[in-house]
Amino acid sequence: MAAFTHDGEPLAKALKRLHHERPATLAGLAVCITGIVPGFKGNEAEQAAYLAGAAKTTKNVSSKTALLVIGDNAGRDKLDRAERWNTPTITAREFLALI
């Protein structure tokens, strides 16, 4: 089942439109997303990161991870790894503002 924006536009279409209207805010970054980003299902948050210019999205935090997005019910292991590697973190709300 497809996700929609608050005004009824299919989310995938809205993300592609925004991709062309906004600068690539995550240009070249390796981004890891943990937990649930409100408004996204499955891998839609990862797709949004790519559309915002992320070079790649990862399932685990490493020394090469440039940014960890912390969603609802975030995994403790990823938070611990981000702390260990001094990886910058942002909340899901901050992520939504970037994309």
PDB file of N, CA and C in Angstrom:
ATOM      1  N   MET A   1       0.837  -1.170   0.000  1.00  0.00           N
ATOM      2  CA  MET A   1       0.000   0.000   0.000  1.00  0.00           C
ATOM      3  C   MET A   1       0.892   1.246   0.000  1.00  0.00           C
ATOM      4  N   ALA A   2       0.579   2.195  -0.850  1.00  0.00           N
ATOM      5  CA  ALA A   2       1.375   3.411  -0.986  1.00  0.00           C
ATOM      6  C   ALA A   2       1.078   4.396   0.135  1.00  0.00           C
ATOM      7  N   ALA A   3       2.088   5.184   0.470  1.00  0.00           N
ATOM      8  CA  ALA A   3       1.926   6.233   1.478  1.00  0.00           C
ATOM      9  C   ALA A   3       1.605   7.546   0.768  1.00  0.00           C
ATOM     10  N   PHE A   4       0.898   8.429   1.472  1.00  0.00           N
ATOM     11  CA  PHE A   4       0.496   9.703   0.902  1.00  0.00           C
ATOM     12  C   PHE A   4       0.860  10.852   1.834  1.00  0.00           C
ATOM     13  N   THR A   5       1.039  12.033   1.268  1.00  0.00           N
ATOM     14  CA  THR A   5       1.278  13.220   2.071  1.00  0.00           C
ATOM     15  C   THR A   5      -0.041  13.660   2.688  1.00  0.00           C
ATOM     16  N   HIS A   6       0.028  14.650   3.582  1.00  0.00           N
ATOM     17  CA  HIS A   6      -1.188  15.113   4.252  1.00  0.00           C
ATOM     18  C   HIS A   6      -2.219  15.694   3.286  1.00  0.00           C
ATOM     19  N   ASP A   7      -1.802  16.136   2.101  1.00  0.00           N
ATOM     20  CA  ASP A   7      -2.761  16.681   1.143  1.00  0.00           C
ATOM     21  C   ASP A   7      -3.136  15.695   0.035  1.00  0.00           C
ATOM     22  N   GLY A   8      -2.798  14.419   0.246  1.00  0.00           N
ATOM     23  CA  GLY A   8      -3.235  13.363  -0.662  1.00  0.00           C
ATOM     24  C   GLY A   8      -2.302  13.026  -1.800  1.00  0.00           C
ATOM     25  N   GLU A   9      -1.180  13.709  -1.915  1.00  0.00           N
ATOM     26  CA  GLU A   9      -0.219  13.410  -2.978  1.00  0.00           C
ATOM     27  C   GLU A   9       0.545  12.140  -2.621  1.00  0.00           C
ATOM     28  N   PRO A  10       0.714  11.215  -3.571  1.00  0.00           N
ATOM     29  CA  PRO A  10       1.507  10.018  -3.272  1.00  0.00           C
ATOM     30  C   PRO A  10       2.906  10.430  -2.800  1.00  0.00           C
ATOM     31  N   LEU A  11       3.378   9.810  -1.724  1.00  0.00           N
ATOM     32  CA  LEU A  11       4.646  10.186  -1.115  1.00  0.00           C
ATOM     33  C   LEU A  11       5.808  10.072  -2.104  1.00  0.00           C
ATOM     34  N   ALA A  12       5.850   9.005  -2.876  1.00  0.00           N
ATOM     35  CA  ALA A  12       6.949   8.822  -3.832  1.00  0.00           C
ATOM     36  C   ALA A  12       6.978   9.975  -4.834  1.00  0.00           C
ATOM     37  N   LYS A  13       5.824  10.406  -5.300  1.00  0.00           N
ATOM     38  CA  LYS A  13       5.746  11.523  -6.248  1.00  0.00           C
ATOM     39  C   LYS A  13       6.196  12.820  -5.581  1.00  0.00           C
ATOM     40  N   ALA A  14       5.774  13.040  -4.344  1.00  0.00           N
ATOM     41  CA  ALA A  14       6.159  14.247  -3.610  1.00  0.00           C
ATOM     42  C   ALA A  14       7.667  14.302  -3.402  1.00  0.00           C
ATOM     43  N   LEU A  15       8.279  13.163  -3.065  1.00  0.00           N
ATOM     44  CA  LEU A  15       9.729  13.125  -2.847  1.00  0.00           C
ATOM     45  C   LEU A  15      10.481  13.443  -4.130  1.00  0.00           C
ATOM     46  N   LYS A  16      10.027  12.907  -5.251  1.00  0.00           N
ATOM     47  CA  LYS A  16      10.689  13.193  -6.528  1.00  0.00           C
ATOM     48  C   LYS A  16      10.544  14.669  -6.894  1.00  0.00           C
ATOM     49  N   ARG A  17       9.360  15.245  -6.641  1.00  0.00           N
ATOM     50  CA  ARG A  17       9.138  16.659  -6.921  1.00  0.00           C
ATOM     51  C   ARG A  17      10.064  17.513  -6.057  1.00  0.00           C
ATOM     52  N   LEU A  18      10.133  17.208  -4.769  1.00  0.00           N
ATOM     53  CA  LEU A  18      10.983  17.971  -3.854  1.00  0.00           C
ATOM     54  C   LEU A  18      12.456  17.843  -4.215  1.00  0.00           C
ATOM     55  N   HIS A  19      12.840  16.663  -4.727  1.00  0.00           N
ATOM     56  CA  HIS A  19      14.221  16.437  -5.135  1.00  0.00           C
ATOM     57  C   HIS A  19      14.658  17.464  -6.180  1.00  0.00           C
ATOM     58  N   HIS A  20      13.754  17.827  -7.059  1.00  0.00           N
ATOM     59  CA  HIS A  20      14.080  18.783  -8.117  1.00  0.00           C
ATOM     60  C   HIS A  20      13.949  20.225  -7.643  1.00  0.00           C
ATOM     61  N   GLU A  21      13.208  20.459  -6.563  1.00  0.00           N
ATOM     62  CA  GLU A  21      12.971  21.812  -6.075  1.00  0.00           C
ATOM     63  C   GLU A  21      13.969  22.253  -5.005  1.00  0.00           C
ATOM     64  N   ARG A  22      14.591  21.320  -4.316  1.00  0.00           N
ATOM     65  CA  ARG A  22      15.475  21.642  -3.190  1.00  0.00           C
ATOM     66  C   ARG A  22      16.904  21.234  -3.484  1.00  0.00           C
ATOM     67  N   PRO A  23      17.863  21.901  -2.841  1.00  0.00           N
ATOM     68  CA  PRO A  23      19.251  21.475  -2.995  1.00  0.00           C
ATOM     69  C   PRO A  23      19.472  20.119  -2.317  1.00  0.00           C
ATOM     70  N   ALA A  24      20.511  19.445  -2.718  1.00  0.00           N
ATOM     71  CA  ALA A  24      20.845  18.133  -2.152  1.00  0.00           C
ATOM     72  C   ALA A  24      21.457  18.331  -0.768  1.00  0.00           C
ATOM     73  N   THR A  25      20.623  18.356   0.259  1.00  0.00           N
ATOM     74  CA  THR A  25      21.067  18.669   1.613  1.00  0.00           C
ATOM     75  C   THR A  25      21.952  17.593   2.234  1.00  0.00           C
ATOM     76  N   LEU A  26      21.853  16.369   1.750  1.00  0.00           N
ATOM     77  CA  LEU A  26      22.672  15.275   2.286  1.00  0.00           C
ATOM     78  C   LEU A  26      23.745  14.851   1.286  1.00  0.00           C
ATOM     79  N   ALA A  27      24.121  15.768   0.412  1.00  0.00           N
ATOM     80  CA  ALA A  27      25.032  15.470  -0.694  1.00  0.00           C
ATOM     81  C   ALA A  27      26.283  14.726  -0.249  1.00  0.00           C
ATOM     82  N   GLY A  28      26.444  13.530  -0.801  1.00  0.00           N
ATOM     83  CA  GLY A  28      27.649  12.744  -0.589  1.00  0.00           C
ATOM     84  C   GLY A  28      27.781  12.044   0.743  1.00  0.00           C
ATOM     85  N   LEU A  29      26.815  12.182   1.627  1.00  0.00           N
ATOM     86  CA  LEU A  29      26.931  11.597   2.965  1.00  0.00           C
ATOM     87  C   LEU A  29      26.477  10.139   3.011  1.00  0.00           C
ATOM     88  N   ALA A  30      27.109   9.380   3.905  1.00  0.00           N
ATOM     89  CA  ALA A  30      26.658   8.026   4.223  1.00  0.00           C
ATOM     90  C   ALA A  30      25.727   8.172   5.428  1.00  0.00           C
ATOM     91  N   VAL A  31      24.472   7.812   5.264  1.00  0.00           N
ATOM     92  CA  VAL A  31      23.447   8.030   6.279  1.00  0.00           C
ATOM     93  C   VAL A  31      22.913   6.692   6.781  1.00  0.00           C
ATOM     94  N   CYS A  32      22.746   6.600   8.090  1.00  0.00           N
ATOM     95  CA  CYS A  32      22.121   5.434   8.708  1.00  0.00           C
ATOM     96  C   CYS A  32      20.845   5.918   9.400  1.00  0.00           C
ATOM     97  N   ILE A  33      19.769   5.174   9.229  1.00  0.00           N
ATOM     98  CA  ILE A  33      18.501   5.525   9.861  1.00  0.00           C
ATOM     99  C   ILE A  33      18.131   4.415  10.823  1.00  0.00           C
ATOM    100  N   THR A  34      17.844   4.781  12.066  1.00  0.00           N
ATOM    101  CA  THR A  34      17.429   3.797  13.054  1.00  0.00           C
ATOM    102  C   THR A  34      16.053   4.171  13.582  1.00  0.00           C
ATOM    103  N   GLY A  35      15.224   3.193  13.763  1.00  0.00           N
ATOM    104  CA  GLY A  35      13.875   3.445  14.241  1.00  0.00           C
ATOM    105  C   GLY A  35      12.937   3.815  13.108  1.00  0.00           C
ATOM    106  N   ILE A  36      11.787   4.330  13.481  1.00  0.00           N
ATOM    107  CA  ILE A  36      10.724   4.653  12.531  1.00  0.00           C
ATOM    108  C   ILE A  36      10.662   6.168  12.340  1.00  0.00           C
ATOM    109  N   VAL A  37      10.753   6.599  11.094  1.00  0.00           N
ATOM    110  CA  VAL A  37      10.600   8.017  10.773  1.00  0.00           C
ATOM    111  C   VAL A  37       9.120   8.237  10.457  1.00  0.00           C
ATOM    112  N   PRO A  38       8.436   9.070  11.246  1.00  0.00           N
ATOM    113  CA  PRO A  38       7.003   9.276  11.039  1.00  0.00           C
ATOM    114  C   PRO A  38       6.679   9.683   9.602  1.00  0.00           C
ATOM    115  N   GLY A  39       5.653   9.051   9.061  1.00  0.00           N
ATOM    116  CA  GLY A  39       5.217   9.345   7.703  1.00  0.00           C
ATOM    117  C   GLY A  39       5.821   8.449   6.643  1.00  0.00           C
ATOM    118  N   PHE A  40       6.795   7.610   7.024  1.00  0.00           N
ATOM    119  CA  PHE A  40       7.449   6.721   6.070  1.00  0.00           C
ATOM    120  C   PHE A  40       7.193   5.267   6.429  1.00  0.00           C
ATOM    121  N   LYS A  41       7.110   4.439   5.407  1.00  0.00           N
ATOM    122  CA  LYS A  41       6.949   2.996   5.600  1.00  0.00           C
ATOM    123  C   LYS A  41       8.110   2.292   4.918  1.00  0.00           C
ATOM    124  N   GLY A  42       8.436   1.105   5.422  1.00  0.00           N
ATOM    125  CA  GLY A  42       9.490   0.296   4.807  1.00  0.00           C
ATOM    126  C   GLY A  42      10.770   1.084   4.605  1.00  0.00           C
ATOM    127  N   ASN A  43      11.260   1.080   3.371  1.00  0.00           N
ATOM    128  CA  ASN A  43      12.525   1.767   3.085  1.00  0.00           C
ATOM    129  C   ASN A  43      12.319   3.163   2.504  1.00  0.00           C
ATOM    130  N   GLU A  44      11.152   3.760   2.677  1.00  0.00           N
ATOM    131  CA  GLU A  44      10.885   5.080   2.117  1.00  0.00           C
ATOM    132  C   GLU A  44      11.790   6.162   2.700  1.00  0.00           C
ATOM    133  N   ALA A  45      12.157   6.061   3.967  1.00  0.00           N
ATOM    134  CA  ALA A  45      13.064   7.057   4.556  1.00  0.00           C
ATOM    135  C   ALA A  45      14.441   6.968   3.890  1.00  0.00           C
ATOM    136  N   GLU A  46      14.902   5.755   3.592  1.00  0.00           N
ATOM    137  CA  GLU A  46      16.173   5.591   2.889  1.00  0.00           C
ATOM    138  C   GLU A  46      16.080   6.186   1.488  1.00  0.00           C
ATOM    139  N   GLN A  47      14.960   5.955   0.811  1.00  0.00           N
ATOM    140  CA  GLN A  47      14.757   6.529  -0.521  1.00  0.00           C
ATOM    141  C   GLN A  47      14.776   8.049  -0.452  1.00  0.00           C
ATOM    142  N   ALA A  48      14.169   8.605   0.585  1.00  0.00           N
ATOM    143  CA  ALA A  48      14.161  10.056   0.764  1.00  0.00           C
ATOM    144  C   ALA A  48      15.576  10.579   0.969  1.00  0.00           C
ATOM    145  N   ALA A  49      16.391   9.837   1.714  1.00  0.00           N
ATOM    146  CA  ALA A  49      17.787  10.240   1.931  1.00  0.00           C
ATOM    147  C   ALA A  49      18.537  10.272   0.603  1.00  0.00           C
ATOM    148  N   TYR A  50      18.332   9.256  -0.245  1.00  0.00           N
ATOM    149  CA  TYR A  50      18.974   9.243  -1.564  1.00  0.00           C
ATOM    150  C   TYR A  50      18.533  10.443  -2.391  1.00  0.00           C
ATOM    151  N   LEU A  51      17.236  10.730  -2.375  1.00  0.00           N
ATOM    152  CA  LEU A  51      16.725  11.862  -3.139  1.00  0.00           C
ATOM    153  C   LEU A  51      17.258  13.193  -2.618  1.00  0.00           C
ATOM    154  N   ALA A  52      17.645  13.231  -1.346  1.00  0.00           N
ATOM    155  CA  ALA A  52      18.241  14.438  -0.766  1.00  0.00           C
ATOM    156  C   ALA A  52      19.758  14.459  -0.969  1.00  0.00           C
ATOM    157  N   GLY A  53      20.273  13.515  -1.758  1.00  0.00           N
ATOM    158  CA  GLY A  53      21.678  13.531  -2.140  1.00  0.00           C
ATOM    159  C   GLY A  53      22.606  12.581  -1.415  1.00  0.00           C
ATOM    160  N   ALA A  54      22.096  11.785  -0.463  1.00  0.00           N
ATOM    161  CA  ALA A  54      22.964  10.854   0.258  1.00  0.00           C
ATOM    162  C   ALA A  54      23.671   9.922  -0.723  1.00  0.00           C
ATOM    163  N   ALA A  55      24.950   9.715  -0.485  1.00  0.00           N
ATOM    164  CA  ALA A  55      25.728   8.816  -1.335  1.00  0.00           C
ATOM    165  C   ALA A  55      25.285   7.373  -1.131  1.00  0.00           C
ATOM    166  N   LYS A  56      24.956   7.046   0.128  1.00  0.00           N
ATOM    167  CA  LYS A  56      24.462   5.710   0.435  1.00  0.00           C
ATOM    168  C   LYS A  56      23.773   5.736   1.791  1.00  0.00           C
ATOM    169  N   THR A  57      22.945   4.726   2.002  1.00  0.00           N
ATOM    170  CA  THR A  57      22.370   4.513   3.326  1.00  0.00           C
ATOM    171  C   THR A  57      22.892   3.171   3.810  1.00  0.00           C
ATOM    172  N   THR A  58      23.103   3.094   5.112  1.00  0.00           N
ATOM    173  CA  THR A  58      23.672   1.877   5.676  1.00  0.00           C
ATOM    174  C   THR A  58      22.748   1.319   6.755  1.00  0.00           C
ATOM    175  N   LYS A  59      22.912   0.060   7.040  1.00  0.00           N
ATOM    176  CA  LYS A  59      22.134  -0.600   8.087  1.00  0.00           C
ATOM    177  C   LYS A  59      22.836  -0.526   9.441  1.00  0.00           C
ATOM    178  N   ASN A  60      24.145  -0.250   9.406  1.00  0.00           N
ATOM    179  CA  ASN A  60      24.929  -0.194  10.641  1.00  0.00           C
ATOM    180  C   ASN A  60      25.780   1.064  10.682  1.00  0.00           C
ATOM    181  N   VAL A  61      26.054   1.539  11.874  1.00  0.00           N
ATOM    182  CA  VAL A  61      26.921   2.702  12.069  1.00  0.00           C
ATOM    183  C   VAL A  61      28.369   2.229  12.091  1.00  0.00           C
ATOM    184  N   SER A  62      29.214   2.931  11.334  1.00  0.00           N
ATOM    185  CA  SER A  62      30.645   2.623  11.324  1.00  0.00           C
ATOM    186  C   SER A  62      31.415   3.940  11.306  1.00  0.00           C
ATOM    187  N   SER A  63      32.719   3.835  11.207  1.00  0.00           N
ATOM    188  CA  SER A  63      33.544   5.039  11.149  1.00  0.00           C
ATOM    189  C   SER A  63      33.276   5.845   9.882  1.00  0.00           C
ATOM    190  N   LYS A  64      32.661   5.216   8.885  1.00  0.00           N
ATOM    191  CA  LYS A  64      32.370   5.896   7.614  1.00  0.00           C
ATOM    192  C   LYS A  64      30.982   6.530   7.590  1.00  0.00           C
ATOM    193  N   THR A  65      30.174   6.297   8.616  1.00  0.00           N
ATOM    194  CA  THR A  65      28.836   6.873   8.661  1.00  0.00           C
ATOM    195  C   THR A  65      28.935   8.352   9.009  1.00  0.00           C
ATOM    196  N   ALA A  66      28.341   9.194   8.171  1.00  0.00           N
ATOM    197  CA  ALA A  66      28.416  10.645   8.376  1.00  0.00           C
ATOM    198  C   ALA A  66      27.278  11.177   9.235  1.00  0.00           C
ATOM    199  N   LEU A  67      26.147  10.440   9.289  1.00  0.00           N
ATOM    200  CA  LEU A  67      24.976  10.949   9.989  1.00  0.00           C
ATOM    201  C   LEU A  67      24.052   9.798  10.383  1.00  0.00           C
ATOM    202  N   LEU A  68      23.599   9.834  11.634  1.00  0.00           N
ATOM    203  CA  LEU A  68      22.620   8.861  12.106  1.00  0.00           C
ATOM    204  C   LEU A  68      21.318   9.589  12.365  1.00  0.00           C
ATOM    205  N   VAL A  69      20.250   9.114  11.720  1.00  0.00           N
ATOM    206  CA  VAL A  69      18.909   9.661  11.929  1.00  0.00           C
ATOM    207  C   VAL A  69      18.231   8.801  12.990  1.00  0.00           C
ATOM    208  N   ILE A  70      17.759   9.442  14.054  1.00  0.00           N
ATOM    209  CA  ILE A  70      17.154   8.715  15.167  1.00  0.00           C
ATOM    210  C   ILE A  70      15.639   8.849  15.114  1.00  0.00           C
ATOM    211  N   GLY A  71      14.983   7.765  14.725  1.00  0.00           N
ATOM    212  CA  GLY A  71      13.531   7.738  14.667  1.00  0.00           C
ATOM    213  C   GLY A  71      12.936   7.160  15.935  1.00  0.00           C
ATOM    214  N   ASP A  72      11.613   6.980  15.922  1.00  0.00           N
ATOM    215  CA  ASP A  72      10.919   6.371  17.051  1.00  0.00           C
ATOM    216  C   ASP A  72      11.393   4.929  17.239  1.00  0.00           C
ATOM    217  N   ASN A  73      11.518   4.511  18.478  1.00  0.00           N
ATOM    218  CA  ASN A  73      11.963   3.149  18.817  1.00  0.00           C
ATOM    219  C   ASN A  73      13.338   2.840  18.229  1.00  0.00           C
ATOM    220  N   ALA A  74      14.233   3.802  18.317  1.00  0.00           N
ATOM    221  CA  ALA A  74      15.581   3.649  17.771  1.00  0.00           C
ATOM    222  C   ALA A  74      16.328   2.519  18.465  1.00  0.00           C
ATOM    223  N   GLY A  75      17.176   1.852  17.700  1.00  0.00           N
ATOM    224  CA  GLY A  75      17.971   0.748  18.238  1.00  0.00           C
ATOM    225  C   GLY A  75      19.106   1.232  19.127  1.00  0.00           C
ATOM    226  N   ARG A  76      19.175   0.679  20.324  1.00  0.00           N
ATOM    227  CA  ARG A  76      20.207   1.073  21.288  1.00  0.00           C
ATOM    228  C   ARG A  76      21.608   0.795  20.751  1.00  0.00           C
ATOM    229  N   ASP A  77      21.777  -0.310  20.034  1.00  0.00           N
ATOM    230  CA  ASP A  77      23.089  -0.671  19.502  1.00  0.00           C
ATOM    231  C   ASP A  77      23.597   0.406  18.548  1.00  0.00           C
ATOM    232  N   LYS A  78      22.732   0.915  17.672  1.00  0.00           N
ATOM    233  CA  LYS A  78      23.155   1.948  16.727  1.00  0.00           C
ATOM    234  C   LYS A  78      23.490   3.249  17.458  1.00  0.00           C
ATOM    235  N   LEU A  79      22.726   3.564  18.483  1.00  0.00           N
ATOM    236  CA  LEU A  79      23.018   4.766  19.272  1.00  0.00           C
ATOM    237  C   LEU A  79      24.374   4.633  19.965  1.00  0.00           C
ATOM    238  N   ASP A  80      24.651   3.450  20.517  1.00  0.00           N
ATOM    239  CA  ASP A  80      25.941   3.206  21.169  1.00  0.00           C
ATOM    240  C   ASP A  80      27.096   3.312  20.171  1.00  0.00           C
ATOM    241  N   ARG A  81      26.900   2.745  18.981  1.00  0.00           N
ATOM    242  CA  ARG A  81      27.947   2.799  17.957  1.00  0.00           C
ATOM    243  C   ARG A  81      28.191   4.240  17.501  1.00  0.00           C
ATOM    244  N   ALA A  82      27.114   5.013  17.367  1.00  0.00           N
ATOM    245  CA  ALA A  82      27.262   6.420  16.971  1.00  0.00           C
ATOM    246  C   ALA A  82      28.072   7.179  18.010  1.00  0.00           C
ATOM    247  N   GLU A  83      27.829   6.884  19.270  1.00  0.00           N
ATOM    248  CA  GLU A  83      28.586   7.529  20.342  1.00  0.00           C
ATOM    249  C   GLU A  83      30.053   7.111  20.276  1.00  0.00           C
ATOM    250  N   ARG A  84      30.281   5.814  20.055  1.00  0.00           N
ATOM    251  CA  ARG A  84      31.651   5.295  19.985  1.00  0.00           C
ATOM    252  C   ARG A  84      32.429   5.924  18.831  1.00  0.00           C
ATOM    253  N   TRP A  85      31.777   6.118  17.674  1.00  0.00           N
ATOM    254  CA  TRP A  85      32.440   6.649  16.493  1.00  0.00           C
ATOM    255  C   TRP A  85      32.305   8.172  16.387  1.00  0.00           C
ATOM    256  N   ASN A  86      31.687   8.804  17.393  1.00  0.00           N
ATOM    257  CA  ASN A  86      31.455  10.257  17.349  1.00  0.00           C
ATOM    258  C   ASN A  86      30.690  10.677  16.094  1.00  0.00           C
ATOM    259  N   THR A  87      29.709   9.868  15.730  1.00  0.00           N
ATOM    260  CA  THR A  87      28.886  10.134  14.553  1.00  0.00           C
ATOM    261  C   THR A  87      27.810  11.164  14.896  1.00  0.00           C
ATOM    262  N   PRO A  88      27.695  12.216  14.115  1.00  0.00           N
ATOM    263  CA  PRO A  88      26.634  13.191  14.358  1.00  0.00           C
ATOM    264  C   PRO A  88      25.254  12.530  14.248  1.00  0.00           C
ATOM    265  N   THR A  89      24.327  12.980  15.079  1.00  0.00           N
ATOM    266  CA  THR A  89      22.970  12.436  15.060  1.00  0.00           C
ATOM    267  C   THR A  89      21.964  13.567  14.900  1.00  0.00           C
ATOM    268  N   ILE A  90      20.829  13.228  14.276  1.00  0.00           N
ATOM    269  CA  ILE A  90      19.709  14.153  14.196  1.00  0.00           C
ATOM    270  C   ILE A  90      18.434  13.363  14.481  1.00  0.00           C
ATOM    271  N   THR A  91      17.412  14.069  14.912  1.00  0.00           N
ATOM    272  CA  THR A  91      16.123  13.423  15.162  1.00  0.00           C
ATOM    273  C   THR A  91      15.388  13.222  13.845  1.00  0.00           C
ATOM    274  N   ALA A  92      14.361  12.397  13.889  1.00  0.00           N
ATOM    275  CA  ALA A  92      13.539  12.185  12.694  1.00  0.00           C
ATOM    276  C   ALA A  92      12.921  13.498  12.231  1.00  0.00           C
ATOM    277  N   ARG A  93      12.522  14.342  13.183  1.00  0.00           N
ATOM    278  CA  ARG A  93      11.937  15.651  12.830  1.00  0.00           C
ATOM    279  C   ARG A  93      12.965  16.522  12.098  1.00  0.00           C
ATOM    280  N   GLU A  94      14.214  16.511  12.558  1.00  0.00           N
ATOM    281  CA  GLU A  94      15.267  17.285  11.892  1.00  0.00           C
ATOM    282  C   GLU A  94      15.534  16.726  10.499  1.00  0.00           C
ATOM    283  N   PHE A  95      15.486  15.393  10.372  1.00  0.00           N
ATOM    284  CA  PHE A  95      15.660  14.747   9.071  1.00  0.00           C
ATOM    285  C   PHE A  95      14.569  15.209   8.106  1.00  0.00           C
ATOM    286  N   LEU A  96      13.325  15.223   8.588  1.00  0.00           N
ATOM    287  CA  LEU A  96      12.217  15.649   7.738  1.00  0.00           C
ATOM    288  C   LEU A  96      12.381  17.095   7.289  1.00  0.00           C
ATOM    289  N   ALA A  97      12.930  17.931   8.149  1.00  0.00           N
ATOM    290  CA  ALA A  97      13.162  19.323   7.779  1.00  0.00           C
ATOM    291  C   ALA A  97      14.271  19.443   6.721  1.00  0.00           C
ATOM    292  N   LEU A  98      15.249  18.537   6.756  1.00  0.00           N
ATOM    293  CA  LEU A  98      16.345  18.569   5.786  1.00  0.00           C
ATOM    294  C   LEU A  98      15.900  18.139   4.397  1.00  0.00           C
ATOM    295  N   ILE A  99      15.033  17.152   4.365  1.00  0.00           N
ATOM    296  CA  ILE A  99      14.634  16.636   3.059  1.00  0.00           C
ATOM    297  C   ILE A  99      13.465  17.413   2.535  1.00  0.00           C
TER     298      ILE A  99
END
